[in-house]
Amino acid sequence: LRPEDRDANFHLGLALLQAGGQGEALPLLQKAVTVDPEFVDGHRRLGAAHFMAGNATAAAASLEAALRLQPNPVTGKTLILIYEQLGDAGRVAALRARFGQ
């Protein structure tokens, strides 16, 4: 595995994530988005890994990066749920105004 290989890091991280290995997946997914900061799906999957690992704040940050790169109602609605969990009424209201729900 070459450290600068975005796709290899992403796919190995994704396989680990799907197998329940959030802890092992996190650094690989992080590396994928570090190598390519414009990698939308990398940010989304990194957000999922953070959420599955119990870190809603980091999950929100990753999903916000994905949303900035590519506005998407599914990502927006996922962020609404995360911000509700975090108790951030301001972000919930802003995202609801933008994406509905």
Protein backbone atom coordinates (compact mmCIF):
# COMPACT_ATOMS: atom_id res chain seq x y z
CA LEU A 1 0.00 0.00 0.00
CA ARG A 2 1.53 3.27 -1.13
CA PRO A 3 0.71 6.06 1.35
CA GLU A 4 -0.06 8.51 -1.47
CA ASP A 5 -2.47 6.12 -3.22
CA ARG A 6 -5.88 7.65 -2.52
CA ASP A 7 -7.89 4.80 -3.98
CA ALA A 8 -5.95 2.03 -2.24
CA ASN A 9 -6.31 3.76 1.14
CA PHE A 10 -9.99 4.40 0.49
CA HIS A 11 -10.88 0.89 -0.62
CA LEU A 12 -8.96 -0.82 2.17
CA GLY A 13 -10.51 1.59 4.68
CA LEU A 14 -13.96 0.95 3.24
CA ALA A 15 -13.49 -2.84 3.45
CA LEU A 16 -12.40 -2.53 7.08
CA LEU A 17 -15.34 -0.24 7.84
CA GLN A 18 -17.81 -2.68 6.31
CA ALA A 19 -16.26 -5.47 8.37
CA GLY A 20 -16.81 -3.48 11.57
CA GLY A 21 -13.22 -2.28 11.95
CA GLN A 22 -13.85 1.43 12.41
CA GLY A 23 -10.63 1.91 14.35
CA GLU A 24 -8.53 0.41 11.58
CA ALA A 25 -10.51 2.17 8.85
CA LEU A 26 -10.20 5.69 10.26
CA PRO A 27 -6.51 6.35 9.49
CA LEU A 28 -6.85 4.92 5.98
CA LEU A 29 -9.92 6.99 5.16
CA GLN A 30 -8.25 10.05 6.68
CA LYS A 31 -5.20 9.44 4.49
CA ALA A 32 -7.41 9.21 1.39
CA VAL A 33 -8.91 12.66 2.02
CA THR A 34 -5.53 14.09 3.02
CA VAL A 35 -4.07 12.95 -0.30
CA ASP A 36 -7.12 14.30 -2.15
CA PRO A 37 -9.03 16.95 -0.14
CA GLU A 38 -11.64 17.16 -2.95
CA PHE A 39 -12.58 13.45 -2.57
CA VAL A 40 -16.27 13.74 -1.66
CA ASP A 41 -16.97 10.05 -1.09
CA GLY A 42 -13.86 9.84 1.06
CA HIS A 43 -15.20 12.58 3.32
CA ARG A 44 -18.60 10.86 3.49
CA ARG A 45 -17.13 7.48 4.42
CA LEU A 46 -14.76 9.09 6.91
CA GLY A 47 -17.78 10.75 8.52
CA ALA A 48 -19.54 7.38 8.70
CA ALA A 49 -16.48 5.79 10.30
CA HIS A 50 -16.24 8.55 12.91
CA PHE A 51 -19.94 8.20 13.69
CA MET A 52 -19.71 4.43 14.00
CA ALA A 53 -16.73 4.91 16.33
CA GLY A 54 -18.84 7.18 18.54
CA ASN A 55 -17.35 10.53 17.55
CA ALA A 56 -20.30 12.58 16.31
CA THR A 57 -18.30 15.83 16.29
CA ALA A 58 -15.66 14.43 13.93
CA ALA A 59 -18.39 12.81 11.85
CA ALA A 60 -20.09 16.18 11.43
CA ALA A 61 -16.82 17.83 10.39
CA SER A 62 -16.20 15.20 7.70
CA LEU A 63 -19.76 15.39 6.41
CA GLU A 64 -19.60 19.20 6.36
CA ALA A 65 -16.50 18.90 4.14
CA ALA A 66 -18.41 16.56 1.80
CA LEU A 67 -21.38 18.94 1.75
CA ARG A 68 -19.17 21.94 0.88
CA LEU A 69 -17.68 20.02 -2.03
CA GLN A 70 -20.95 18.57 -3.29
CA PRO A 71 -24.29 19.72 -1.87
CA ASN A 72 -26.42 16.63 -1.39
CA PRO A 73 -29.75 16.30 0.44
CA VAL A 74 -28.86 12.88 1.88
CA THR A 75 -25.68 14.27 3.42
CA GLY A 76 -27.59 17.33 4.63
CA LYS A 77 -30.27 15.23 6.29
CA THR A 78 -27.63 12.98 7.87
CA LEU A 79 -26.00 16.09 9.31
CA ILE A 80 -29.36 17.20 10.72
CA LEU A 81 -29.56 13.93 12.69
CA ILE A 82 -25.99 14.30 13.94
CA TYR A 83 -26.46 17.92 14.98
CA GLU A 84 -29.69 16.97 16.76
CA GLN A 85 -27.69 14.39 18.69
CA LEU A 86 -25.07 17.03 19.48
CA GLY A 87 -27.74 19.52 20.55
CA ASP A 88 -26.74 22.16 17.98
CA ALA A 89 -30.13 23.74 17.28
CA GLY A 90 -28.63 26.48 15.11
CA ARG A 91 -27.03 24.06 12.65
CA VAL A 92 -30.19 21.91 12.66
CA ALA A 93 -32.32 24.93 11.75
CA ALA A 94 -29.89 26.07 9.03
CA LEU A 95 -29.74 22.63 7.44
CA ARG A 96 -33.52 22.17 7.67
CA ALA A 97 -33.99 25.48 5.89
CA ARG A 98 -31.61 24.32 3.18
CA PHE A 99 -32.65 20.67 2.79
CA GLY A 100 -36.07 20.34 4.44
CA GLN A 101 -37.28 17.73 6.93
